[in-house]
All heavy atoms as atom14 arrays in JSON, in Angstrom:
{
  "sequence": "IMVGDSISTGSLFGNLVALAIPINFAIYVMIIRKNS",
  "atom14_mask": [
    [1, 1, 1, 1, 1, 1, 1, 1, 0, 0, 0, 0, 0, 0],
    [1, 1, 1, 1, 1, 1, 1, 1, 0, 0, 0, 0, 0, 0],
    [1, 1, 1, 1, 1, 1, 1, 0, 0, 0, 0, 0, 0, 0],
    [1, 1, 1, 1, 0, 0, 0, 0, 0, 0, 0, 0, 0, 0],
    [1, 1, 1, 1, 1, 1, 1, 1, 0, 0, 0, 0, 0, 0],
    [1, 1, 1, 1, 1, 1, 0, 0, 0, 0, 0, 0, 0, 0],
    [1, 1, 1, 1, 1, 1, 1, 1, 0, 0, 0, 0, 0, 0],
    [1, 1, 1, 1, 1, 1, 0, 0, 0, 0, 0, 0, 0, 0],
    [1, 1, 1, 1, 1, 1, 1, 0, 0, 0, 0, 0, 0, 0],
    [1, 1, 1, 1, 0, 0, 0, 0, 0, 0, 0, 0, 0, 0],
    [1, 1, 1, 1, 1, 1, 0, 0, 0, 0, 0, 0, 0, 0],
    [1, 1, 1, 1, 1, 1, 1, 1, 0, 0, 0, 0, 0, 0],
    [1, 1, 1, 1, 1, 1, 1, 1, 1, 1, 1, 0, 0, 0],
    [1, 1, 1, 1, 0, 0, 0, 0, 0, 0, 0, 0, 0, 0],
    [1, 1, 1, 1, 1, 1, 1, 1, 0, 0, 0, 0, 0, 0],
    [1, 1, 1, 1, 1, 1, 1, 1, 0, 0, 0, 0, 0, 0],
    [1, 1, 1, 1, 1, 1, 1, 0, 0, 0, 0, 0, 0, 0],
    [1, 1, 1, 1, 1, 0, 0, 0, 0, 0, 0, 0, 0, 0],
    [1, 1, 1, 1, 1, 1, 1, 1, 0, 0, 0, 0, 0, 0],
    [1, 1, 1, 1, 1, 0, 0, 0, 0, 0, 0, 0, 0, 0],
    [1, 1, 1, 1, 1, 1, 1, 1, 0, 0, 0, 0, 0, 0],
    [1, 1, 1, 1, 1, 1, 1, 0, 0, 0, 0, 0, 0, 0],
    [1, 1, 1, 1, 1, 1, 1, 1, 0, 0, 0, 0, 0, 0],
    [1, 1, 1, 1, 1, 1, 1, 1, 0, 0, 0, 0, 0, 0],
    [1, 1, 1, 1, 1, 1, 1, 1, 1, 1, 1, 0, 0, 0],
    [1, 1, 1, 1, 1, 0, 0, 0, 0, 0, 0, 0, 0, 0],
    [1, 1, 1, 1, 1, 1, 1, 1, 0, 0, 0, 0, 0, 0],
    [1, 1, 1, 1, 1, 1, 1, 1, 1, 1, 1, 1, 0, 0],
    [1, 1, 1, 1, 1, 1, 1, 0, 0, 0, 0, 0, 0, 0],
    [1, 1, 1, 1, 1, 1, 1, 1, 0, 0, 0, 0, 0, 0],
    [1, 1, 1, 1, 1, 1, 1, 1, 0, 0, 0, 0, 0, 0],
    [1, 1, 1, 1, 1, 1, 1, 1, 0, 0, 0, 0, 0, 0],
    [1, 1, 1, 1, 1, 1, 1, 1, 1, 1, 1, 0, 0, 0],
    [1, 1, 1, 1, 1, 1, 1, 1, 1, 0, 0, 0, 0, 0],
    [1, 1, 1, 1, 1, 1, 1, 1, 0, 0, 0, 0, 0, 0],
    [1, 1, 1, 1, 1, 1, 0, 0, 0, 0, 0, 0, 0, 0]
  ],
  "atom14_positions": [
    [[98.2, 98.08, 84.03], [99.29, 98.09, 83.04], [100.16, 99.34, 83.23], [101.39, 99.27, 83.2], [98.72, 98.05, 81.61], [98.04, 96.7, 81.37], [99.83, 98.29, 80.59], [97.3, 96.62, 80.05], [0.0, 0.0, 0.0], [0.0, 0.0, 0.0], [0.0, 0.0, 0.0], [0.0, 0.0, 0.0], [0.0, 0.0, 0.0], [0.0, 0.0, 0.0]],
    [[99.5, 100.47, 83.45], [100.22, 101.73, 83.61], [101.09, 101.72, 84.86], [102.25, 102.13, 84.85], [99.23, 102.9, 83.67], [99.88, 104.27, 83.75], [98.65, 105.57, 83.8], [97.9, 105.38, 82.19], [0.0, 0.0, 0.0], [0.0, 0.0, 0.0], [0.0, 0.0, 0.0], [0.0, 0.0, 0.0], [0.0, 0.0, 0.0], [0.0, 0.0, 0.0]],
    [[100.52, 101.24, 85.97], [101.27, 101.18, 87.22], [102.43, 100.21, 87.1], [103.54, 100.47, 87.57], [100.34, 100.76, 88.39], [101.15, 100.47, 89.64], [99.33, 101.87, 88.69], [0.0, 0.0, 0.0], [0.0, 0.0, 0.0], [0.0, 0.0, 0.0], [0.0, 0.0, 0.0], [0.0, 0.0, 0.0], [0.0, 0.0, 0.0], [0.0, 0.0, 0.0]],
    [[102.19, 99.07, 86.44], [103.26, 98.09, 86.25], [104.4, 98.66, 85.43], [105.59, 98.46, 85.75], [0.0, 0.0, 0.0], [0.0, 0.0, 0.0], [0.0, 0.0, 0.0], [0.0, 0.0, 0.0], [0.0, 0.0, 0.0], [0.0, 0.0, 0.0], [0.0, 0.0, 0.0], [0.0, 0.0, 0.0], [0.0, 0.0, 0.0], [0.0, 0.0, 0.0]],
    [[104.08, 99.4, 84.38], [105.1, 100.03, 83.55], [105.85, 101.12, 84.29], [107.05, 101.33, 84.08], [104.46, 100.61, 82.3], [105.47, 101.28, 81.38], [106.33, 100.57, 80.83], [105.41, 102.52, 81.24], [0.0, 0.0, 0.0], [0.0, 0.0, 0.0], [0.0, 0.0, 0.0], [0.0, 0.0, 0.0], [0.0, 0.0, 0.0], [0.0, 0.0, 0.0]],
    [[105.13, 101.83, 85.2], [105.76, 102.94, 85.91], [106.81, 102.48, 86.91], [107.68, 103.26, 87.31], [104.69, 103.76, 86.64], [104.08, 103.0, 87.67], [0.0, 0.0, 0.0], [0.0, 0.0, 0.0], [0.0, 0.0, 0.0], [0.0, 0.0, 0.0], [0.0, 0.0, 0.0], [0.0, 0.0, 0.0], [0.0, 0.0, 0.0], [0.0, 0.0, 0.0]],
    [[106.74, 101.21, 87.32], [107.75, 100.69, 88.25], [109.13, 100.73, 87.61], [110.13, 101.07, 88.24], [107.39, 99.25, 88.68], [106.09, 99.26, 89.49], [108.52, 98.65, 89.5], [105.61, 97.87, 89.88], [0.0, 0.0, 0.0], [0.0, 0.0, 0.0], [0.0, 0.0, 0.0], [0.0, 0.0, 0.0], [0.0, 0.0, 0.0], [0.0, 0.0, 0.0]],
    [[109.18, 100.4, 86.32], [110.47, 100.38, 85.62], [110.9, 101.77, 85.17], [112.09, 102.04, 85.01], [110.39, 99.45, 84.4], [109.37, 99.88, 83.5], [0.0, 0.0, 0.0], [0.0, 0.0, 0.0], [0.0, 0.0, 0.0], [0.0, 0.0, 0.0], [0.0, 0.0, 0.0], [0.0, 0.0, 0.0], [0.0, 0.0, 0.0], [0.0, 0.0, 0.0]],
    [[109.93, 102.68, 84.96], [110.28, 104.02, 84.48], [110.48, 105.02, 85.61], [110.88, 106.16, 85.38], [109.19, 104.56, 83.53], [107.93, 104.59, 84.24], [109.06, 103.68, 82.3], [0.0, 0.0, 0.0], [0.0, 0.0, 0.0], [0.0, 0.0, 0.0], [0.0, 0.0, 0.0], [0.0, 0.0, 0.0], [0.0, 0.0, 0.0], [0.0, 0.0, 0.0]],
    [[110.18, 104.61, 86.84], [110.41, 105.49, 87.98], [109.31, 106.5, 88.24], [109.52, 107.46, 88.98], [0.0, 0.0, 0.0], [0.0, 0.0, 0.0], [0.0, 0.0, 0.0], [0.0, 0.0, 0.0], [0.0, 0.0, 0.0], [0.0, 0.0, 0.0], [0.0, 0.0, 0.0], [0.0, 0.0, 0.0], [0.0, 0.0, 0.0], [0.0, 0.0, 0.0]],
    [[108.13, 106.3, 87.66], [107.04, 107.24, 87.86], [105.89, 106.64, 88.67], [104.76, 107.11, 88.62], [106.51, 107.73, 86.51], [106.07, 106.64, 85.71], [0.0, 0.0, 0.0], [0.0, 0.0, 0.0], [0.0, 0.0, 0.0], [0.0, 0.0, 0.0], [0.0, 0.0, 0.0], [0.0, 0.0, 0.0], [0.0, 0.0, 0.0], [0.0, 0.0, 0.0]],
    [[106.19, 105.58, 89.41], [105.16, 104.9, 90.2], [104.52, 105.84, 91.21], [103.29, 105.87, 91.35], [105.76, 103.69, 90.91], [104.81, 102.92, 91.86], [103.65, 102.33, 91.07], [105.57, 101.81, 92.58], [0.0, 0.0, 0.0], [0.0, 0.0, 0.0], [0.0, 0.0, 0.0], [0.0, 0.0, 0.0], [0.0, 0.0, 0.0], [0.0, 0.0, 0.0]],
    [[105.33, 106.62, 91.89], [104.8, 107.54, 92.92], [103.79, 108.5, 92.32], [102.7, 108.7, 92.86], [105.95, 108.31, 93.57], [105.5, 109.36, 94.53], [104.96, 109.01, 95.76], [105.59, 110.72, 94.21], [104.52, 110.0, 96.65], [105.15, 111.69, 95.08], [104.62, 111.34, 96.31], [0.0, 0.0, 0.0], [0.0, 0.0, 0.0], [0.0, 0.0, 0.0]],
    [[104.14, 109.1, 91.18], [103.24, 110.05, 90.53], [101.93, 109.41, 90.11], [100.86, 110.01, 90.26], [0.0, 0.0, 0.0], [0.0, 0.0, 0.0], [0.0, 0.0, 0.0], [0.0, 0.0, 0.0], [0.0, 0.0, 0.0], [0.0, 0.0, 0.0], [0.0, 0.0, 0.0], [0.0, 0.0, 0.0], [0.0, 0.0, 0.0], [0.0, 0.0, 0.0]],
    [[101.98, 108.18, 89.59], [100.76, 107.49, 89.17], [99.86, 107.14, 90.35], [98.64, 107.26, 90.27], [101.12, 106.22, 88.4], [101.67, 106.51, 87.02], [101.42, 107.57, 86.46], [102.43, 105.58, 86.47], [0.0, 0.0, 0.0], [0.0, 0.0, 0.0], [0.0, 0.0, 0.0], [0.0, 0.0, 0.0], [0.0, 0.0, 0.0], [0.0, 0.0, 0.0]],
    [[100.47, 106.72, 91.44], [99.69, 106.38, 92.63], [99.04, 107.62, 93.24], [97.89, 107.58, 93.68], [100.58, 105.69, 93.67], [101.09, 104.29, 93.29], [102.0, 103.74, 94.37], [99.93, 103.33, 93.04], [0.0, 0.0, 0.0], [0.0, 0.0, 0.0], [0.0, 0.0, 0.0], [0.0, 0.0, 0.0], [0.0, 0.0, 0.0], [0.0, 0.0, 0.0]],
    [[99.79, 108.73, 93.25], [99.22, 109.98, 93.77], [98.08, 110.45, 92.87], [97.05, 110.93, 93.36], [100.32, 111.08, 93.84], [99.69, 112.44, 94.15], [101.35, 110.73, 94.91], [0.0, 0.0, 0.0], [0.0, 0.0, 0.0], [0.0, 0.0, 0.0], [0.0, 0.0, 0.0], [0.0, 0.0, 0.0], [0.0, 0.0, 0.0], [0.0, 0.0, 0.0]],
    [[98.23, 110.28, 91.56], [97.19, 110.69, 90.62], [95.88, 109.94, 90.86], [94.79, 110.47, 90.6], [97.66, 110.46, 89.18], [0.0, 0.0, 0.0], [0.0, 0.0, 0.0], [0.0, 0.0, 0.0], [0.0, 0.0, 0.0], [0.0, 0.0, 0.0], [0.0, 0.0, 0.0], [0.0, 0.0, 0.0], [0.0, 0.0, 0.0], [0.0, 0.0, 0.0]],
    [[95.97, 108.71, 91.37], [94.76, 107.94, 91.66], [93.89, 108.62, 92.71], [92.67, 108.4, 92.76], [95.15, 106.53, 92.14], [95.35, 105.45, 91.08], [95.86, 104.18, 91.72], [94.05, 105.19, 90.33], [0.0, 0.0, 0.0], [0.0, 0.0, 0.0], [0.0, 0.0, 0.0], [0.0, 0.0, 0.0], [0.0, 0.0, 0.0], [0.0, 0.0, 0.0]],
    [[94.51, 109.44, 93.55], [93.74, 110.13, 94.59], [92.77, 111.14, 93.98], [91.75, 111.48, 94.59], [94.69, 110.84, 95.56], [0.0, 0.0, 0.0], [0.0, 0.0, 0.0], [0.0, 0.0, 0.0], [0.0, 0.0, 0.0], [0.0, 0.0, 0.0], [0.0, 0.0, 0.0], [0.0, 0.0, 0.0], [0.0, 0.0, 0.0], [0.0, 0.0, 0.0]],
    [[93.06, 111.61, 92.77], [92.21, 112.63, 92.14], [90.82, 112.07, 91.81], [89.81, 112.61, 92.28], [92.88, 113.2, 90.88], [94.24, 113.79, 91.23], [91.99, 114.27, 90.24], [95.06, 114.23, 90.03], [0.0, 0.0, 0.0], [0.0, 0.0, 0.0], [0.0, 0.0, 0.0], [0.0, 0.0, 0.0], [0.0, 0.0, 0.0], [0.0, 0.0, 0.0]],
    [[90.71, 110.99, 91.02], [89.37, 110.47, 90.72], [88.67, 109.86, 91.93], [87.45, 109.92, 92.04], [89.64, 109.41, 89.64], [91.04, 108.98, 89.86], [91.75, 110.23, 90.29], [0.0, 0.0, 0.0], [0.0, 0.0, 0.0], [0.0, 0.0, 0.0], [0.0, 0.0, 0.0], [0.0, 0.0, 0.0], [0.0, 0.0, 0.0], [0.0, 0.0, 0.0]],
    [[89.46, 109.28, 92.85], [88.85, 108.67, 94.03], [88.21, 109.74, 94.92], [87.06, 109.61, 95.37], [89.9, 107.87, 94.83], [90.31, 106.62, 94.03], [89.35, 107.46, 96.2], [91.43, 105.83, 94.67], [0.0, 0.0, 0.0], [0.0, 0.0, 0.0], [0.0, 0.0, 0.0], [0.0, 0.0, 0.0], [0.0, 0.0, 0.0], [0.0, 0.0, 0.0]],
    [[88.94, 110.82, 95.17], [88.4, 111.89, 96.0], [87.24, 112.6, 95.32], [86.29, 113.03, 95.98], [89.5, 112.9, 96.35], [90.39, 112.43, 97.47], [89.97, 112.3, 98.61], [91.64, 112.17, 97.16], [0.0, 0.0, 0.0], [0.0, 0.0, 0.0], [0.0, 0.0, 0.0], [0.0, 0.0, 0.0], [0.0, 0.0, 0.0], [0.0, 0.0, 0.0]],
    [[87.31, 112.72, 93.99], [86.2, 113.33, 93.26], [84.95, 112.47, 93.4], [83.84, 113.0, 93.58], [86.56, 113.49, 91.78], [85.44, 114.08, 90.96], [85.15, 115.43, 91.01], [84.66, 113.26, 90.16], [84.11, 115.97, 90.27], [83.61, 113.79, 89.41], [83.34, 115.15, 89.47], [0.0, 0.0, 0.0], [0.0, 0.0, 0.0], [0.0, 0.0, 0.0]],
    [[85.11, 111.16, 93.32], [83.97, 110.25, 93.45], [83.35, 110.36, 94.85], [82.13, 110.36, 95.0], [84.4, 108.82, 93.17], [0.0, 0.0, 0.0], [0.0, 0.0, 0.0], [0.0, 0.0, 0.0], [0.0, 0.0, 0.0], [0.0, 0.0, 0.0], [0.0, 0.0, 0.0], [0.0, 0.0, 0.0], [0.0, 0.0, 0.0], [0.0, 0.0, 0.0]],
    [[84.21, 110.47, 95.87], [83.7, 110.65, 97.23], [82.94, 111.96, 97.35], [81.89, 112.04, 97.98], [84.87, 110.61, 98.25], [85.55, 109.24, 98.24], [84.38, 110.94, 99.66], [86.8, 109.15, 99.08], [0.0, 0.0, 0.0], [0.0, 0.0, 0.0], [0.0, 0.0, 0.0], [0.0, 0.0, 0.0], [0.0, 0.0, 0.0], [0.0, 0.0, 0.0]],
    [[83.49, 113.0, 96.72], [82.85, 114.32, 96.72], [81.45, 114.25, 96.09], [80.49, 114.82, 96.63], [83.74, 115.3, 95.95], [83.12, 116.64, 95.68], [82.86, 117.54, 96.72], [82.81, 117.04, 94.38], [82.3, 118.78, 96.47], [82.24, 118.27, 94.12], [82.0, 119.15, 95.17], [81.44, 120.38, 94.91], [0.0, 0.0, 0.0], [0.0, 0.0, 0.0]],
    [[81.34, 113.54, 94.98], [80.03, 113.4, 94.31], [79.06, 112.63, 95.2], [77.87, 112.94, 95.26], [80.18, 112.7, 92.95], [78.81, 112.38, 92.35], [80.97, 113.59, 91.99], [0.0, 0.0, 0.0], [0.0, 0.0, 0.0], [0.0, 0.0, 0.0], [0.0, 0.0, 0.0], [0.0, 0.0, 0.0], [0.0, 0.0, 0.0], [0.0, 0.0, 0.0]],
    [[79.56, 111.61, 95.93], [78.69, 110.87, 96.84], [78.14, 111.78, 97.93], [76.97, 111.67, 98.32], [79.48, 109.72, 97.5], [79.92, 108.61, 96.55], [78.57, 107.79, 95.68], [78.78, 108.51, 94.02], [0.0, 0.0, 0.0], [0.0, 0.0, 0.0], [0.0, 0.0, 0.0], [0.0, 0.0, 0.0], [0.0, 0.0, 0.0], [0.0, 0.0, 0.0]],
    [[78.98, 112.7, 98.41], [78.54, 113.65, 99.43], [77.46, 114.57, 98.85], [76.47, 114.88, 99.52], [79.73, 114.48, 99.95], [80.74, 113.57, 100.67], [79.27, 115.59, 100.89], [82.02, 114.26, 101.08], [0.0, 0.0, 0.0], [0.0, 0.0, 0.0], [0.0, 0.0, 0.0], [0.0, 0.0, 0.0], [0.0, 0.0, 0.0], [0.0, 0.0, 0.0]],
    [[77.65, 115.0, 97.6], [76.66, 115.86, 96.95], [75.34, 115.12, 96.78], [74.26, 115.65, 97.06], [77.17, 116.32, 95.57], [78.35, 117.28, 95.73], [76.05, 117.0, 94.79], [78.95, 117.73, 94.42], [0.0, 0.0, 0.0], [0.0, 0.0, 0.0], [0.0, 0.0, 0.0], [0.0, 0.0, 0.0], [0.0, 0.0, 0.0], [0.0, 0.0, 0.0]],
    [[75.42, 113.86, 96.31], [74.2, 113.06, 96.09], [73.45, 112.83, 97.4], [72.22, 112.81, 97.43], [74.58, 111.73, 95.45], [75.06, 111.83, 94.01], [73.91, 112.15, 93.06], [72.86, 111.16, 93.13], [72.89, 109.99, 92.47], [73.92, 109.7, 91.68], [71.9, 109.13, 92.59], [0.0, 0.0, 0.0], [0.0, 0.0, 0.0], [0.0, 0.0, 0.0]],
    [[74.2, 112.65, 98.47], [73.59, 112.39, 99.77], [72.95, 113.64, 100.35], [72.07, 113.57, 101.21], [74.65, 111.85, 100.74], [74.07, 111.04, 101.9], [73.45, 109.74, 101.43], [72.96, 108.89, 102.58], [72.35, 107.61, 102.14], [0.0, 0.0, 0.0], [0.0, 0.0, 0.0], [0.0, 0.0, 0.0], [0.0, 0.0, 0.0], [0.0, 0.0, 0.0]],
    [[73.38, 114.79, 99.88], [72.85, 116.07, 100.37], [72.31, 116.89, 99.19], [72.64, 118.07, 99.02], [73.94, 116.86, 101.1], [74.5, 116.12, 102.31], [73.95, 116.2, 103.4], [75.59, 115.4, 102.1], [0.0, 0.0, 0.0], [0.0, 0.0, 0.0], [0.0, 0.0, 0.0], [0.0, 0.0, 0.0], [0.0, 0.0, 0.0], [0.0, 0.0, 0.0]],
    [[71.49, 116.24, 98.38], [71.0, 116.84, 97.14], [70.14, 118.08, 97.36], [69.96, 118.89, 96.44], [70.22, 115.8, 96.34], [69.14, 115.28, 97.12], [0.0, 0.0, 0.0], [0.0, 0.0, 0.0], [0.0, 0.0, 0.0], [0.0, 0.0, 0.0], [0.0, 0.0, 0.0], [0.0, 0.0, 0.0], [0.0, 0.0, 0.0], [0.0, 0.0, 0.0]]
  ]
}
């Protein structure tokens, strides 16, 4: 819903870039778990 709304408000780029934050954090936690 947020991404769909951002297309009309012109903030799509910022929302898509923001997705990299939780995704990379999740990958980071996987690395920690694998090397506990």
